[in-house]
Amino acid sequence: MKFEEGKLTDAVLARMQDCDDPRFKTIMTSLIRHLHDFVRDVELTEGEWFEAIQWLTATGQKCDDKRQEYILASDTLGVSMLVDAINHRFPAGATESTVFGPFFVEGAADFEKWADLSNGAKGMPCFMSGTVRGTDGKPIANALIDVWQSDGEEGLYDVQVPDGEFYCRGRIRTDAEGRYGFRTVQPTSYPVPVDGPVGVMLTKMGRHPMRPAHVHTMITAPGHERLTTHVFVKGDPYLESDAVFGVKESLVVEFTQNPAGATPDGGRCDRPFSTATYDFVLAKS
């Protein structure tokens, strides 16, 4: 059979006639059609296609148990936020979700309320607190909050530091009134990793790699949808041009600057510190 240019797409799709997974067939049919249309649209050269294959290969080779270059690619192309938007159409009043990011690590340590999650990370001390409740306004006790962020000076996550120990990462639970609190360092804006294929792509696009300062949270509670989101620092210069398109206005919070003295946990800090308050609202599952 002669696979002519105009008939090749239908020939490829015909090979899936025995596929017994309807959803997989739907996805692959659309992917093949769009991919073939893209190749025709730009009249892709053999050299360009080989360069794309090399880029995909290098992206996979950059991945390990601490770094996910494909997630980074998805984030910077806006795909992660699009998938997030489609899959988390929460009801009015629920906290908005945003990108998961490439730096989450399973097995973070559990901490008590007001524990210091920073573990010696550089940066101004920061105390974050608030509540977790449902869209009905009722507090959610014992909700599990995963927290992770970069340090407050270099903008590096613990997994980016060779032989680095866990810092600015941990899990806490809400109390009987749905309240939470922890100590960390005030986050700073930082560049996404540019030492891999994604960095090459961003440079060719003429784009900067910066993310505005933020704290990651992932919250789970029985009977409620899991919430993965950020709390962003108000006034950060990159809020309008986040490299991964993750900023939502409802997630931007004032980090109040305070002189040395009494802290929200009932103690004292011998140097200036910041405080931030955010109340999370979970949608019912």
Protein backbone atom coordinates (compact mmCIF):
# COMPACT_ATOMS: atom_id res chain seq x y z
CA MET A 1 0.00 0.00 0.00
CA LYS A 2 1.25 3.45 -0.86
CA PHE A 3 1.14 5.80 2.15
CA GLU A 4 0.58 9.10 0.39
CA GLU A 5 1.06 12.37 2.27
CA GLY A 6 -2.63 13.17 2.34
CA LYS A 7 -3.72 9.69 3.39
CA LEU A 8 -1.07 8.78 5.97
CA THR A 9 -2.99 10.08 8.97
CA ASP A 10 -6.03 7.93 8.22
CA ALA A 11 -3.77 4.94 7.66
CA VAL A 12 -2.18 5.35 11.09
CA LEU A 13 -5.57 5.74 12.76
CA ALA A 14 -6.89 2.64 11.02
CA ARG A 15 -4.23 0.57 12.80
CA MET A 16 -6.08 1.18 16.07
CA GLN A 17 -9.26 -0.57 14.95
CA ASP A 18 -8.70 -3.40 17.43
CA CYS A 19 -7.99 -1.13 20.40
CA ASP A 20 -10.29 -2.19 23.25
CA ASP A 21 -9.68 0.85 25.49
CA PRO A 22 -12.14 3.58 24.36
CA ARG A 23 -10.53 6.41 26.32
CA PHE A 24 -7.01 5.52 25.16
CA LYS A 25 -8.28 5.32 21.58
CA THR A 26 -9.91 8.76 21.88
CA ILE A 27 -6.74 10.32 23.25
CA MET A 28 -4.41 8.72 20.70
CA THR A 29 -6.71 9.55 17.77
CA SER A 30 -6.71 13.21 18.73
CA LEU A 31 -2.97 13.23 19.43
CA ILE A 32 -2.11 11.67 16.07
CA ARG A 33 -4.42 14.01 14.14
CA HIS A 34 -3.06 17.12 15.88
CA LEU A 35 0.55 15.98 15.55
CA HIS A 36 0.19 15.24 11.85
CA ASP A 37 -1.64 18.56 11.30
CA PHE A 38 1.19 20.36 13.11
CA VAL A 39 3.84 18.74 10.89
CA ARG A 40 1.88 19.72 7.77
CA ASP A 41 1.19 23.23 9.05
CA VAL A 42 4.84 24.15 9.61
CA GLU A 43 6.17 21.79 6.91
CA LEU A 44 8.63 20.36 9.40
CA THR A 45 12.05 19.52 7.99
CA GLU A 46 13.85 16.27 8.74
CA GLY A 47 16.55 18.23 10.56
CA GLU A 48 13.99 20.00 12.74
CA TRP A 49 12.25 16.73 13.61
CA PHE A 50 15.56 15.12 14.54
CA GLU A 51 16.38 18.14 16.73
CA ALA A 52 13.01 17.70 18.46
CA ILE A 53 13.78 14.02 19.07
CA GLN A 54 17.16 14.96 20.53
CA TRP A 55 15.46 17.52 22.81
CA LEU A 56 12.96 14.91 24.04
CA THR A 57 15.77 12.42 24.61
CA ALA A 58 17.82 14.96 26.58
CA THR A 59 14.73 15.86 28.62
CA GLY A 60 14.29 12.26 29.70
CA GLN A 61 17.99 11.91 30.48
CA LYS A 62 17.78 14.96 32.78
CA CYS A 63 15.11 13.31 34.94
CA ASP A 64 15.95 11.45 38.14
CA ASP A 65 14.34 10.81 41.53
CA LYS A 66 14.85 14.48 42.51
CA ARG A 67 14.20 16.28 39.24
CA GLN A 68 11.43 15.97 36.66
CA GLU A 69 12.39 17.83 33.51
CA TYR A 70 9.21 16.76 31.72
CA ILE A 71 7.08 18.39 34.42
CA LEU A 72 9.20 21.51 34.01
CA ALA A 73 8.62 21.42 30.26
CA SER A 74 4.89 20.97 30.80
CA ASP A 75 4.87 23.86 33.28
CA THR A 76 6.73 26.32 31.09
CA LEU A 77 4.59 25.50 28.04
CA GLY A 78 1.42 26.22 30.00
CA VAL A 79 0.20 22.63 29.67
CA SER A 80 0.28 21.95 33.41
CA MET A 81 -1.97 24.92 34.15
CA LEU A 82 -4.38 23.94 31.37
CA VAL A 83 -4.66 20.38 32.70
CA ASP A 84 -5.06 21.80 36.21
CA ALA A 85 -7.86 24.13 35.11
CA ILE A 86 -9.77 21.33 33.35
CA ASN A 87 -9.44 18.89 36.25
CA HIS A 88 -10.07 21.24 39.16
CA ARG A 89 -13.24 23.12 38.37
CA PHE A 90 -13.95 23.74 42.03
CA PRO A 91 -17.19 25.41 43.17
CA ALA A 92 -17.31 29.09 44.02
CA GLY A 93 -15.66 29.82 47.33
CA ALA A 94 -13.11 27.00 47.18
CA THR A 95 -9.43 27.92 47.09
CA GLU A 96 -8.03 27.88 43.56
CA SER A 97 -5.45 25.28 42.61
CA THR A 98 -2.27 25.82 40.65
CA VAL A 99 0.69 23.84 39.28
CA PHE A 100 2.21 20.95 41.20
CA GLY A 101 5.76 21.78 40.13
CA PRO A 102 8.80 19.50 39.79
CA PHE A 103 10.14 19.64 43.37
CA PHE A 104 7.63 17.74 45.50
CA VAL A 105 9.15 14.85 47.45
CA GLU A 106 7.28 11.97 49.05
CA GLY A 107 8.01 11.09 52.65
CA ALA A 108 8.56 14.54 54.15
CA ALA A 109 8.73 14.58 57.95
CA ASP A 110 5.68 15.23 60.13
CA PHE A 111 5.77 18.29 62.41
CA GLU A 112 3.67 19.69 65.24
CA LYS A 113 1.88 23.03 64.98
CA TRP A 114 4.28 25.99 64.92
CA ALA A 115 7.29 23.78 64.27
CA ASP A 116 10.21 25.28 62.35
CA LEU A 117 10.23 23.63 58.91
CA SER A 118 13.20 25.69 57.66
CA ASN A 119 15.85 23.36 59.15
CA GLY A 120 18.49 26.07 58.93
CA ALA A 121 17.62 27.35 55.45
CA LYS A 122 18.83 30.84 54.57
CA GLY A 123 16.34 33.66 54.73
CA MET A 124 14.23 35.89 56.93
CA PRO A 125 12.17 33.93 59.48
CA CYS A 126 8.54 33.71 58.44
CA PHE A 127 5.47 32.57 60.36
CA MET A 128 2.51 31.33 58.33
CA SER A 129 -0.89 30.56 59.81
CA GLY A 130 -4.57 30.33 59.00
CA THR A 131 -7.38 27.83 58.79
CA VAL A 132 -8.60 25.00 56.61
CA ARG A 133 -12.36 24.75 56.17
CA GLY A 134 -14.96 23.43 53.78
CA THR A 135 -17.09 25.47 51.42
CA ASP A 136 -19.82 25.19 54.06
CA GLY A 137 -17.65 27.29 56.36
CA LYS A 138 -17.02 24.49 58.84
CA PRO A 139 -13.44 24.00 60.03
CA ILE A 140 -11.70 20.81 58.98
CA ALA A 141 -9.80 19.17 61.80
CA ASN A 142 -6.77 16.95 61.18
CA ALA A 143 -6.38 18.06 57.56
CA LEU A 144 -2.91 17.11 56.30
CA ILE A 145 -0.89 19.98 54.82
CA ASP A 146 2.24 19.20 52.79
CA VAL A 147 4.49 22.28 52.64
CA TRP A 148 7.54 22.82 50.44
CA GLN A 149 9.43 25.85 49.15
CA SER A 150 12.85 27.20 48.23
CA ASP A 151 15.20 28.90 50.67
CA GLY A 152 14.83 32.63 51.14
CA GLU A 153 18.06 33.89 49.60
CA GLU A 154 19.28 31.78 46.68
CA GLY A 155 15.86 30.41 45.73
CA LEU A 156 17.04 26.80 45.82
CA TYR A 157 14.99 23.80 46.92
CA ASP A 158 16.66 21.24 49.14
CA VAL A 159 16.73 18.69 46.31
CA GLN A 160 18.78 21.12 44.20
CA VAL A 161 21.60 21.24 46.75
CA PRO A 162 24.18 18.44 46.45
CA ASP A 163 24.00 16.26 49.56
CA GLY A 164 21.59 18.77 51.06
CA GLU A 165 19.32 17.80 53.94
CA PHE A 166 15.57 18.41 53.88
CA TYR A 167 14.72 22.04 54.52
CA CYS A 168 11.61 24.17 54.06
CA ARG A 169 9.66 20.95 53.64
CA GLY A 170 7.32 19.06 55.94
CA ARG A 171 3.81 17.97 56.83
CA ILE A 172 1.57 19.45 59.50
CA ARG A 173 -2.03 18.89 60.54
CA THR A 174 -4.79 21.27 61.51
CA ASP A 175 -6.05 21.31 65.09
CA ALA A 176 -9.61 20.69 66.25
CA GLU A 177 -10.65 24.18 65.04
CA GLY A 178 -9.06 23.70 61.63
CA ARG A 179 -6.17 26.02 62.44
CA TYR A 180 -2.58 25.57 61.31
CA GLY A 181 0.69 27.38 61.88
CA PHE A 182 4.34 26.83 61.07
CA ARG A 183 7.65 28.65 60.89
CA THR A 184 9.71 28.76 57.72
CA VAL A 185 11.66 31.45 55.84
CA GLN A 186 10.11 34.08 53.61
CA PRO A 187 10.38 32.71 50.06
CA THR A 188 12.11 34.60 47.29
CA SER A 189 11.63 34.65 43.53
CA TYR A 190 13.92 32.28 41.66
CA PRO A 191 14.68 30.91 38.18
CA VAL A 192 13.44 27.49 37.15
CA PRO A 193 16.40 25.21 36.31
CA VAL A 194 17.96 26.36 33.05
CA ASP A 195 20.83 23.87 32.87
CA GLY A 196 18.78 21.39 30.83
CA PRO A 197 16.68 21.18 27.66
CA VAL A 198 13.94 23.41 29.10
CA GLY A 199 16.48 26.17 29.66
CA VAL A 200 17.58 25.87 26.02
CA MET A 201 13.94 26.13 24.92
CA LEU A 202 13.25 29.21 27.06
CA THR A 203 16.35 30.97 25.74
CA LYS A 204 15.33 30.31 22.13
CA MET A 205 11.85 31.63 22.93
CA GLY A 206 13.35 34.84 24.34
CA ARG A 207 11.71 34.19 27.72
CA HIS A 208 12.96 34.70 31.26
CA PRO A 209 12.92 31.70 33.63
CA MET A 210 11.75 33.46 36.80
CA ARG A 211 9.03 32.37 39.21
CA PRO A 212 7.59 34.78 41.79
CA ALA A 213 8.17 33.96 45.46
CA HIS A 214 5.74 31.37 46.80
CA VAL A 215 5.09 28.57 49.26
CA HIS A 216 3.71 25.27 47.93
CA THR A 217 0.93 23.49 49.79
CA MET A 218 -0.96 20.28 49.14
CA ILE A 219 -3.90 19.67 51.45
CA THR A 220 -5.88 16.47 51.91
CA ALA A 221 -8.82 15.68 54.17
CA PRO A 222 -11.45 12.90 54.10
CA GLY A 223 -14.57 13.84 52.16
CA HIS A 224 -12.85 16.69 50.33
CA GLU A 225 -10.99 17.16 47.06
CA ARG A 226 -7.21 17.32 47.33
CA LEU A 227 -5.96 20.89 46.90
CA THR A 228 -2.55 21.62 45.38
CA THR A 229 -1.77 25.30 45.34
CA HIS A 230 0.71 28.10 46.14
CA VAL A 231 0.65 31.14 48.39
CA PHE A 232 2.39 33.97 46.52
CA VAL A 233 4.15 37.00 48.00
CA LYS A 234 2.35 40.26 47.22
CA GLY A 235 4.54 42.79 45.43
CA ASP A 236 6.87 40.27 43.81
CA PRO A 237 8.11 41.65 40.46
CA TYR A 238 7.36 38.41 38.60
CA LEU A 239 3.69 37.98 39.52
CA GLU A 240 2.63 39.16 36.06
CA SER A 241 5.16 37.05 34.14
CA ASP A 242 5.50 33.78 36.04
CA ALA A 243 7.49 31.36 33.88
CA VAL A 244 4.95 28.60 34.50
CA PHE A 245 1.75 30.73 34.33
CA GLY A 246 0.77 29.64 37.86
CA VAL A 247 -0.26 32.91 39.52
CA LYS A 248 -3.89 33.54 40.44
CA GLU A 249 -4.93 36.77 42.14
CA SER A 250 -6.75 34.96 44.94
CA LEU A 251 -3.48 33.28 45.98
CA VAL A 252 -1.45 36.48 46.40
CA VAL A 253 -0.91 37.39 50.07
CA GLU A 254 0.72 40.20 52.02
CA PHE A 255 3.83 39.05 53.89
CA THR A 256 3.96 41.62 56.68
CA GLN A 257 7.41 42.71 57.85
CA ASN A 258 7.92 42.82 61.62
CA PRO A 259 10.77 44.01 63.87
CA ALA A 260 12.42 41.59 66.29
CA GLY A 261 10.08 40.72 69.14
CA ALA A 262 7.03 38.63 69.95
CA THR A 263 6.01 36.05 67.32
CA PRO A 264 2.62 34.47 66.47
CA ASP A 265 3.63 31.14 68.04
CA GLY A 266 3.91 32.76 71.47
CA GLY A 267 7.68 33.01 71.38
CA ARG A 268 10.14 35.69 70.40
CA CYS A 269 12.47 36.24 67.47
CA ASP A 270 15.75 38.12 67.90
CA ARG A 271 15.73 39.46 64.37
CA PRO A 272 13.17 40.90 61.93
CA PHE A 273 10.62 38.40 60.65
CA SER A 274 7.57 38.27 58.41
CA THR A 275 4.06 36.93 58.95
CA ALA A 276 1.48 35.71 56.46
CA THR A 277 -2.07 34.48 56.93
CA TYR A 278 -4.06 32.39 54.47
CA ASP A 279 -7.31 30.50 54.92
CA PHE A 280 -7.70 27.48 52.65
CA VAL A 281 -11.17 26.32 51.57
CA LEU A 282 -11.59 22.75 50.30
CA ALA A 283 -14.27 21.56 47.91
CA LYS A 284 -16.26 18.50 48.92
CA SER A 285 -15.51 15.32 46.99
